[in-house]
Structure formats: C-alpha cells, structure tokens
PDB file of all heavy atoms in Angstrom:
ATOM      1  N   SER A   1      -4.338  15.508   1.897  1.00  0.00           N
ATOM      2  CA  SER A   1      -5.200  16.410   2.640  1.00  0.00           C
ATOM      3  C   SER A   1      -4.819  17.805   2.335  1.00  0.00           C
ATOM      4  O   SER A   1      -3.868  18.021   1.575  1.00  0.00           O
ATOM      5  CB  SER A   1      -4.992  16.178   4.167  1.00  0.00           C
ATOM      6  OG  SER A   1      -3.666  16.371   4.599  1.00  0.00           O
ATOM      7  N   SER A   2      -5.664  18.776   2.824  1.00  0.00           N
ATOM      8  CA  SER A   2      -5.408  20.181   2.518  1.00  0.00           C
ATOM      9  C   SER A   2      -5.670  21.007   3.684  1.00  0.00           C
ATOM     10  O   SER A   2      -6.354  20.641   4.552  1.00  0.00           O
ATOM     11  CB  SER A   2      -6.235  20.571   1.313  1.00  0.00           C
ATOM     12  OG  SER A   2      -7.560  20.512   1.602  1.00  0.00           O
ATOM     13  N   ASP A   3      -5.040  22.245   3.706  1.00  0.00           N
ATOM     14  CA  ASP A   3      -5.348  23.215   4.670  1.00  0.00           C
ATOM     15  C   ASP A   3      -5.601  24.481   3.820  1.00  0.00           C
ATOM     16  O   ASP A   3      -4.596  25.129   3.419  1.00  0.00           O
ATOM     17  CB  ASP A   3      -4.197  23.402   5.613  1.00  0.00           C
ATOM     18  CG  ASP A   3      -4.547  24.437   6.700  1.00  0.00           C
ATOM     19  OD1 ASP A   3      -5.386  25.275   6.469  1.00  0.00           O
ATOM     20  OD2 ASP A   3      -3.912  24.378   7.797  1.00  0.00           O
ATOM     21  N   ASN A   4      -6.811  24.685   3.546  1.00  0.00           N
ATOM     22  CA  ASN A   4      -7.139  25.845   2.665  1.00  0.00           C
ATOM     23  C   ASN A   4      -6.693  27.171   3.177  1.00  0.00           C
ATOM     24  O   ASN A   4      -6.265  28.065   2.394  1.00  0.00           O
ATOM     25  CB  ASN A   4      -8.664  25.924   2.373  1.00  0.00           C
ATOM     26  CG  ASN A   4      -9.131  24.924   1.340  1.00  0.00           C
ATOM     27  OD1 ASN A   4     -10.127  25.181   0.633  1.00  0.00           O
ATOM     28  ND2 ASN A   4      -8.497  23.828   1.213  1.00  0.00           N
ATOM     29  N   ALA A   5      -6.720  27.367   4.485  1.00  0.00           N
ATOM     30  CA  ALA A   5      -6.226  28.637   5.068  1.00  0.00           C
ATOM     31  C   ALA A   5      -4.751  28.876   4.841  1.00  0.00           C
ATOM     32  O   ALA A   5      -4.371  30.046   4.712  1.00  0.00           O
ATOM     33  CB  ALA A   5      -6.562  28.609   6.564  1.00  0.00           C
ATOM     34  N   LYS A   6      -4.010  27.806   4.661  1.00  0.00           N
ATOM     35  CA  LYS A   6      -2.615  27.912   4.388  1.00  0.00           C
ATOM     36  C   LYS A   6      -2.332  27.719   2.909  1.00  0.00           C
ATOM     37  O   LYS A   6      -1.148  27.767   2.520  1.00  0.00           O
ATOM     38  CB  LYS A   6      -1.846  26.847   5.194  1.00  0.00           C
ATOM     39  CG  LYS A   6      -1.861  27.038   6.667  1.00  0.00           C
ATOM     40  CD  LYS A   6      -1.033  26.039   7.423  1.00  0.00           C
ATOM     41  CE  LYS A   6      -1.097  26.183   8.885  1.00  0.00           C
ATOM     42  NZ  LYS A   6      -0.233  25.255   9.606  1.00  0.00           N
ATOM     43  N   ASN A   7      -3.417  27.432   2.112  1.00  0.00           N
ATOM     44  CA  ASN A   7      -3.235  27.287   0.661  1.00  0.00           C
ATOM     45  C   ASN A   7      -2.194  26.181   0.374  1.00  0.00           C
ATOM     46  O   ASN A   7      -1.353  26.272  -0.496  1.00  0.00           O
ATOM     47  CB  ASN A   7      -2.758  28.536  -0.054  1.00  0.00           C
ATOM     48  CG  ASN A   7      -3.533  28.722  -1.373  1.00  0.00           C
ATOM     49  OD1 ASN A   7      -4.716  28.406  -1.568  1.00  0.00           O
ATOM     50  ND2 ASN A   7      -2.792  29.322  -2.354  1.00  0.00           N
ATOM     51  N   THR A   8      -2.330  25.078   1.140  1.00  0.00           N
ATOM     52  CA  THR A   8      -1.326  23.980   1.076  1.00  0.00           C
ATOM     53  C   THR A   8      -2.001  22.660   1.051  1.00  0.00           C
ATOM     54  O   THR A   8      -3.038  22.407   1.724  1.00  0.00           O
ATOM     55  CB  THR A   8      -0.399  24.076   2.333  1.00  0.00           C
ATOM     56  OG1 THR A   8       0.332  25.358   2.331  1.00  0.00           O
ATOM     57  CG2 THR A   8       0.622  22.961   2.359  1.00  0.00           C
ATOM     58  N   VAL A   9      -1.405  21.764   0.286  1.00  0.00           N
ATOM     59  CA  VAL A   9      -1.817  20.344   0.157  1.00  0.00           C
ATOM     60  C   VAL A   9      -0.720  19.457   0.757  1.00  0.00           C
ATOM     61  O   VAL A   9       0.460  19.753   0.492  1.00  0.00           O
ATOM     62  CB  VAL A   9      -2.224  19.979  -1.198  1.00  0.00           C
ATOM     63  CG1 VAL A   9      -2.437  18.454  -1.355  1.00  0.00           C
ATOM     64  CG2 VAL A   9      -3.443  20.753  -1.690  1.00  0.00           C
ATOM     65  N   TYR A  10      -1.105  18.382   1.437  1.00  0.00           N
ATOM     66  CA  TYR A  10      -0.175  17.527   2.068  1.00  0.00           C
ATOM     67  C   TYR A  10      -0.321  16.134   1.539  1.00  0.00           C
ATOM     68  O   TYR A  10      -1.362  15.760   1.069  1.00  0.00           O
ATOM     69  CB  TYR A  10      -0.327  17.462   3.550  1.00  0.00           C
ATOM     70  CG  TYR A  10      -0.215  18.809   4.208  1.00  0.00           C
ATOM     71  CD1 TYR A  10      -1.452  19.544   4.521  1.00  0.00           C
ATOM     72  CD2 TYR A  10       0.968  19.404   4.485  1.00  0.00           C
ATOM     73  CE1 TYR A  10      -1.404  20.786   5.076  1.00  0.00           C
ATOM     74  CE2 TYR A  10       0.983  20.649   5.077  1.00  0.00           C
ATOM     75  CZ  TYR A  10      -0.236  21.366   5.395  1.00  0.00           C
ATOM     76  OH  TYR A  10      -0.118  22.590   5.977  1.00  0.00           O
ATOM     77  N   LEU A  11       0.784  15.360   1.570  1.00  0.00           N
ATOM     78  CA  LEU A  11       0.761  13.962   1.252  1.00  0.00           C
ATOM     79  C   LEU A  11       1.440  13.202   2.328  1.00  0.00           C
ATOM     80  O   LEU A  11       2.721  13.295   2.460  1.00  0.00           O
ATOM     81  CB  LEU A  11       1.375  13.651  -0.090  1.00  0.00           C
ATOM     82  CG  LEU A  11       1.257  12.173  -0.541  1.00  0.00           C
ATOM     83  CD1 LEU A  11      -0.210  11.843  -0.903  1.00  0.00           C
ATOM     84  CD2 LEU A  11       2.131  11.911  -1.757  1.00  0.00           C
ATOM     85  N   GLN A  12       0.636  12.537   3.279  1.00  0.00           N
ATOM     86  CA  GLN A  12       1.214  11.752   4.361  1.00  0.00           C
ATOM     87  C   GLN A  12       1.578  10.354   3.742  1.00  0.00           C
ATOM     88  O   GLN A  12       0.612   9.723   3.260  1.00  0.00           O
ATOM     89  CB  GLN A  12       0.233  11.617   5.459  1.00  0.00           C
ATOM     90  CG  GLN A  12       0.731  10.760   6.602  1.00  0.00           C
ATOM     91  CD  GLN A  12       1.882  11.368   7.364  1.00  0.00           C
ATOM     92  OE1 GLN A  12       1.947  12.554   7.606  1.00  0.00           O
ATOM     93  NE2 GLN A  12       2.898  10.556   7.658  1.00  0.00           N
ATOM     94  N   MET A  13       2.784   9.967   3.839  1.00  0.00           N
ATOM     95  CA  MET A  13       3.203   8.752   3.277  1.00  0.00           C
ATOM     96  C   MET A  13       3.670   7.864   4.453  1.00  0.00           C
ATOM     97  O   MET A  13       4.693   8.146   5.117  1.00  0.00           O
ATOM     98  CB  MET A  13       4.319   8.957   2.289  1.00  0.00           C
ATOM     99  CG  MET A  13       4.031  10.003   1.190  1.00  0.00           C
ATOM    100  SD  MET A  13       5.261  10.049  -0.081  1.00  0.00           S
ATOM    101  CE  MET A  13       6.699  10.566   0.834  1.00  0.00           C
ATOM    102  N   ASN A  14       3.028   6.750   4.619  1.00  0.00           N
ATOM    103  CA  ASN A  14       3.332   5.742   5.645  1.00  0.00           C
ATOM    104  C   ASN A  14       3.744   4.449   5.005  1.00  0.00           C
ATOM    105  O   ASN A  14       3.476   4.191   3.833  1.00  0.00           O
ATOM    106  CB  ASN A  14       2.171   5.545   6.575  1.00  0.00           C
ATOM    107  CG  ASN A  14       1.752   6.781   7.366  1.00  0.00           C
ATOM    108  OD1 ASN A  14       2.551   7.581   7.679  1.00  0.00           O
ATOM    109  ND2 ASN A  14       0.484   6.848   7.644  1.00  0.00           N
ATOM    110  N   SER A  15       4.316   3.583   5.780  1.00  0.00           N
ATOM    111  CA  SER A  15       4.739   2.229   5.403  1.00  0.00           C
ATOM    112  C   SER A  15       5.540   2.276   4.003  1.00  0.00           C
ATOM    113  O   SER A  15       5.231   1.542   3.091  1.00  0.00           O
ATOM    114  CB  SER A  15       3.457   1.357   5.266  1.00  0.00           C
ATOM    115  OG  SER A  15       2.825   1.219   6.481  1.00  0.00           O
ATOM    116  N   LEU A  16       6.440   3.181   3.978  1.00  0.00           N
ATOM    117  CA  LEU A  16       7.158   3.475   2.722  1.00  0.00           C
ATOM    118  C   LEU A  16       8.005   2.191   2.325  1.00  0.00           C
ATOM    119  O   LEU A  16       8.524   1.456   3.206  1.00  0.00           O
ATOM    120  CB  LEU A  16       8.129   4.658   2.899  1.00  0.00           C
ATOM    121  CG  LEU A  16       7.333   5.933   2.828  1.00  0.00           C
ATOM    122  CD1 LEU A  16       8.193   7.084   3.383  1.00  0.00           C
ATOM    123  CD2 LEU A  16       6.998   6.307   1.371  1.00  0.00           C
ATOM    124  N   LYS A  17       8.088   2.032   1.043  1.00  0.00           N
ATOM    125  CA  LYS A  17       8.846   0.907   0.502  1.00  0.00           C
ATOM    126  C   LYS A  17       9.895   1.415  -0.411  1.00  0.00           C
ATOM    127  O   LYS A  17       9.818   2.573  -1.014  1.00  0.00           O
ATOM    128  CB  LYS A  17       7.853   0.007  -0.401  1.00  0.00           C
ATOM    129  CG  LYS A  17       6.651  -0.434   0.336  1.00  0.00           C
ATOM    130  CD  LYS A  17       5.680  -1.129  -0.592  1.00  0.00           C
ATOM    131  CE  LYS A  17       4.482  -1.604   0.090  1.00  0.00           C
ATOM    132  NZ  LYS A  17       3.452  -2.331  -0.820  1.00  0.00           N
ATOM    133  N   PRO A  18      10.944   0.656  -0.716  1.00  0.00           N
ATOM    134  CA  PRO A  18      11.931   1.090  -1.687  1.00  0.00           C
ATOM    135  C   PRO A  18      11.324   1.494  -3.043  1.00  0.00           C
ATOM    136  O   PRO A  18      11.854   2.366  -3.679  1.00  0.00           O
ATOM    137  CB  PRO A  18      12.883  -0.154  -1.793  1.00  0.00           C
ATOM    138  CG  PRO A  18      12.794  -0.755  -0.459  1.00  0.00           C
ATOM    139  CD  PRO A  18      11.329  -0.605   0.013  1.00  0.00           C
ATOM    140  N   ASP A  19      10.296   0.836  -3.439  1.00  0.00           N
ATOM    141  CA  ASP A  19       9.633   1.124  -4.714  1.00  0.00           C
ATOM    142  C   ASP A  19       8.980   2.547  -4.713  1.00  0.00           C
ATOM    143  O   ASP A  19       8.649   3.045  -5.760  1.00  0.00           O
ATOM    144  CB  ASP A  19       8.555   0.152  -5.047  1.00  0.00           C
ATOM    145  CG  ASP A  19       9.081  -1.201  -5.523  1.00  0.00           C
ATOM    146  OD1 ASP A  19      10.217  -1.354  -5.839  1.00  0.00           O
ATOM    147  OD2 ASP A  19       8.244  -2.145  -5.656  1.00  0.00           O
ATOM    148  N   ASP A  20       8.902   3.186  -3.614  1.00  0.00           N
ATOM    149  CA  ASP A  20       8.312   4.504  -3.526  1.00  0.00           C
ATOM    150  C   ASP A  20       9.459   5.549  -3.795  1.00  0.00           C
ATOM    151  O   ASP A  20       9.135   6.690  -3.860  1.00  0.00           O
ATOM    152  CB  ASP A  20       7.740   4.835  -2.092  1.00  0.00           C
ATOM    153  CG  ASP A  20       6.586   3.952  -1.795  1.00  0.00           C
ATOM    154  OD1 ASP A  20       5.692   3.823  -2.660  1.00  0.00           O
ATOM    155  OD2 ASP A  20       6.457   3.492  -0.641  1.00  0.00           O
ATOM    156  N   THR A  21      10.669   5.154  -3.922  1.00  0.00           N
ATOM    157  CA  THR A  21      11.758   6.074  -4.214  1.00  0.00           C
ATOM    158  C   THR A  21      11.456   6.749  -5.534  1.00  0.00           C
ATOM    159  O   THR A  21      11.293   6.152  -6.542  1.00  0.00           O
ATOM    160  CB  THR A  21      13.080   5.358  -4.213  1.00  0.00           C
ATOM    161  OG1 THR A  21      13.352   4.803  -2.943  1.00  0.00           O
ATOM    162  CG2 THR A  21      14.223   6.298  -4.691  1.00  0.00           C
ATOM    163  N   ALA A  22      11.448   8.117  -5.471  1.00  0.00           N
ATOM    164  CA  ALA A  22      11.145   8.863  -6.690  1.00  0.00           C
ATOM    165  C   ALA A  22      11.283  10.385  -6.372  1.00  0.00           C
ATOM    166  O   ALA A  22      11.360  10.773  -5.132  1.00  0.00           O
ATOM    167  CB  ALA A  22       9.701   8.620  -7.126  1.00  0.00           C
ATOM    168  N   VAL A  23      11.255  11.170  -7.382  1.00  0.00           N
ATOM    169  CA  VAL A  23      11.016  12.626  -7.199  1.00  0.00           C
ATOM    170  C   VAL A  23       9.472  12.838  -7.194  1.00  0.00           C
ATOM    171  O   VAL A  23       8.816  12.398  -8.159  1.00  0.00           O
ATOM    172  CB  VAL A  23      11.698  13.405  -8.284  1.00  0.00           C
ATOM    173  CG1 VAL A  23      11.328  14.879  -8.113  1.00  0.00           C
ATOM    174  CG2 VAL A  23      13.148  13.218  -8.219  1.00  0.00           C
ATOM    175  N   TYR A  24       8.947  13.444  -6.236  1.00  0.00           N
ATOM    176  CA  TYR A  24       7.590  13.808  -6.035  1.00  0.00           C
ATOM    177  C   TYR A  24       7.264  15.162  -6.422  1.00  0.00           C
ATOM    178  O   TYR A  24       7.917  16.108  -5.982  1.00  0.00           O
ATOM    179  CB  TYR A  24       7.091  13.433  -4.625  1.00  0.00           C
ATOM    180  CG  TYR A  24       6.944  11.954  -4.317  1.00  0.00           C
ATOM    181  CD1 TYR A  24       8.122  11.155  -4.189  1.00  0.00           C
ATOM    182  CD2 TYR A  24       5.705  11.344  -4.193  1.00  0.00           C
ATOM    183  CE1 TYR A  24       8.083   9.877  -3.938  1.00  0.00           C
ATOM    184  CE2 TYR A  24       5.676  10.004  -3.899  1.00  0.00           C
ATOM    185  CZ  TYR A  24       6.839   9.233  -3.789  1.00  0.00           C
ATOM    186  OH  TYR A  24       6.710   7.873  -3.568  1.00  0.00           O
ATOM    187  N   TYR A  25       6.236  15.355  -7.239  1.00  0.00           N
ATOM    188  CA  TYR A  25       5.797  16.635  -7.676  1.00  0.00           C
ATOM    189  C   TYR A  25       4.330  16.913  -7.367  1.00  0.00           C
ATOM    190  O   TYR A  25       3.580  15.951  -7.372  1.00  0.00           O
ATOM    191  CB  TYR A  25       5.909  16.692  -9.258  1.00  0.00           C
ATOM    192  CG  TYR A  25       7.316  16.510  -9.818  1.00  0.00           C
ATOM    193  CD1 TYR A  25       7.690  15.192 -10.122  1.00  0.00           C
ATOM    194  CD2 TYR A  25       8.135  17.530 -10.048  1.00  0.00           C
ATOM    195  CE1 TYR A  25       8.917  14.991 -10.629  1.00  0.00           C
ATOM    196  CE2 TYR A  25       9.336  17.323 -10.632  1.00  0.00           C
ATOM    197  CZ  TYR A  25       9.745  16.053 -10.874  1.00  0.00           C
ATOM    198  OH  TYR A  25      11.012  15.801 -11.424  1.00  0.00           O
ATOM    199  N   CYS A  26       3.971  18.101  -7.039  1.00  0.00           N
ATOM    200  CA  CYS A  26       2.572  18.441  -7.035  1.00  0.00           C
ATOM    201  C   CYS A  26       2.239  19.355  -8.240  1.00  0.00           C
ATOM    202  O   CYS A  26       3.143  20.052  -8.780  1.00  0.00           O
ATOM    203  CB  CYS A  26       2.188  19.200  -5.709  1.00  0.00           C
ATOM    204  SG  CYS A  26       2.981  20.792  -5.369  1.00  0.00           S
ATOM    205  N   ALA A  27       1.020  19.304  -8.616  1.00  0.00           N
ATOM    206  CA  ALA A  27       0.608  20.069  -9.803  1.00  0.00           C
ATOM    207  C   ALA A  27      -0.874  20.524  -9.571  1.00  0.00           C
ATOM    208  O   ALA A  27      -1.622  19.980  -8.775  1.00  0.00           O
ATOM    209  CB  ALA A  27       0.643  19.088 -11.068  1.00  0.00           C
ATOM    210  N   ALA A  28      -1.298  21.535 -10.345  1.00  0.00           N
ATOM    211  CA  ALA A  28      -2.581  22.124 -10.216  1.00  0.00           C
ATOM    212  C   ALA A  28      -3.290  22.278 -11.494  1.00  0.00           C
ATOM    213  O   ALA A  28      -2.651  22.690 -12.528  1.00  0.00           O
ATOM    214  CB  ALA A  28      -2.486  23.479  -9.452  1.00  0.00           C
ATOM    215  N   VAL A  29      -4.566  22.114 -11.479  1.00  0.00           N
ATOM    216  CA  VAL A  29      -5.409  22.349 -12.655  1.00  0.00           C
ATOM    217  C   VAL A  29      -6.733  22.787 -12.173  1.00  0.00           C
ATOM    218  O   VAL A  29      -7.308  22.262 -11.203  1.00  0.00           O
ATOM    219  CB  VAL A  29      -5.558  21.105 -13.662  1.00  0.00           C
ATOM    220  CG1 VAL A  29      -6.087  19.884 -12.900  1.00  0.00           C
ATOM    221  CG2 VAL A  29      -6.297  21.448 -14.862  1.00  0.00           C
ATOM    222  N   ASN A  30      -7.396  23.746 -12.947  1.00  0.00           N
ATOM    223  CA  ASN A  30      -8.732  24.254 -12.529  1.00  0.00           C
ATOM    224  C   ASN A  30      -9.814  23.424 -13.178  1.00  0.00           C
ATOM    225  O   ASN A  30      -9.932  23.366 -14.420  1.00  0.00           O
ATOM    226  CB  ASN A  30      -8.771  25.687 -13.024  1.00  0.00           C
ATOM    227  CG  ASN A  30     -10.137  26.318 -12.673  1.00  0.00           C
ATOM    228  OD1 ASN A  30     -10.819  26.828 -13.512  1.00  0.00           O
ATOM    229  ND2 ASN A  30     -10.446  26.326 -11.341  1.00  0.00           N
ATOM    230  N   ASN A  31     -10.607  22.729 -12.281  1.00  0.00           N
ATOM    231  CA  ASN A  31     -11.863  22.096 -12.679  1.00  0.00           C
ATOM    232  C   ASN A  31     -11.691  21.097 -13.870  1.00  0.00           C
ATOM    233  O   ASN A  31     -12.489  21.146 -14.806  1.00  0.00           O
ATOM    234  CB  ASN A  31     -12.886  23.082 -13.025  1.00  0.00           C
ATOM    235  CG  ASN A  31     -14.282  22.541 -12.949  1.00  0.00           C
ATOM    236  OD1 ASN A  31     -14.574  21.626 -12.203  1.00  0.00           O
ATOM    237  ND2 ASN A  31     -15.165  23.062 -13.823  1.00  0.00           N
ATOM    238  N   PRO A  32     -10.849  20.090 -13.776  1.00  0.00           N
ATOM    239  CA  PRO A  32     -10.798  19.049 -14.743  1.00  0.00           C
ATOM    240  C   PRO A  32     -12.030  18.066 -14.513  1.00  0.00           C
ATOM    241  O   PRO A  32     -12.604  18.043 -13.436  1.00  0.00           O
ATOM    242  CB  PRO A  32      -9.536  18.339 -14.490  1.00  0.00           C
ATOM    243  CG  PRO A  32      -9.322  18.420 -13.011  1.00  0.00           C
ATOM    244  CD  PRO A  32      -9.897  19.799 -12.689  1.00  0.00           C
ATOM    245  N   ALA A  33     -12.291  17.214 -15.545  1.00  0.00           N
ATOM    246  CA  ALA A  33     -13.213  16.118 -15.353  1.00  0.00           C
ATOM    247  C   ALA A  33     -12.670  15.208 -14.259  1.00  0.00           C
ATOM    248  O   ALA A  33     -11.479  14.916 -14.240  1.00  0.00           O
ATOM    249  CB  ALA A  33     -13.406  15.409 -16.598  1.00  0.00           C
ATOM    250  N   TRP A  34     -13.565  14.831 -13.325  1.00  0.00           N
ATOM    251  CA  TRP A  34     -13.090  14.041 -12.252  1.00  0.00           C
ATOM    252  C   TRP A  34     -13.188  12.559 -12.630  1.00  0.00           C
ATOM    253  O   TRP A  34     -14.069  11.779 -12.256  1.00  0.00           O
ATOM    254  CB  TRP A  34     -13.981  14.259 -10.965  1.00  0.00           C
ATOM    255  CG  TRP A  34     -13.373  13.571  -9.761  1.00  0.00           C
ATOM    256  CD1 TRP A  34     -13.889  12.487  -9.151  1.00  0.00           C
ATOM    257  CD2 TRP A  34     -12.136  13.912  -9.057  1.00  0.00           C
ATOM    258  NE1 TRP A  34     -13.137  12.179  -8.050  1.00  0.00           N
ATOM    259  CE2 TRP A  34     -12.104  13.033  -7.921  1.00  0.00           C
ATOM    260  CE3 TRP A  34     -11.265  14.958  -9.154  1.00  0.00           C
ATOM    261  CZ2 TRP A  34     -11.019  13.043  -7.060  1.00  0.00           C
ATOM    262  CZ3 TRP A  34     -10.188  15.056  -8.228  1.00  0.00           C
ATOM    263  CH2 TRP A  34     -10.124  14.125  -7.194  1.00  0.00           C
TER     264      TRP A  34
END
C-alpha cells in the first residue's frame, strides 16, 4: 500500500513463515512496462 502524502510505501506482512527470513529492500523506477 502507499500513502502519497507521506511519500511512503508499506508492506504489511502477515502469517510470516521461516522461509520469509531475508533482507527486504524497496526500489523505485519511473514508468516501467507493467
């Protein structure tokens, strides 16, 4: 999800599993092919 007023994107992670263990990164790109 996002809050444009705060210029912030969120990732709500539920039902977490040990396989989800990782370093999580966010990244940005302008207008890629969807």
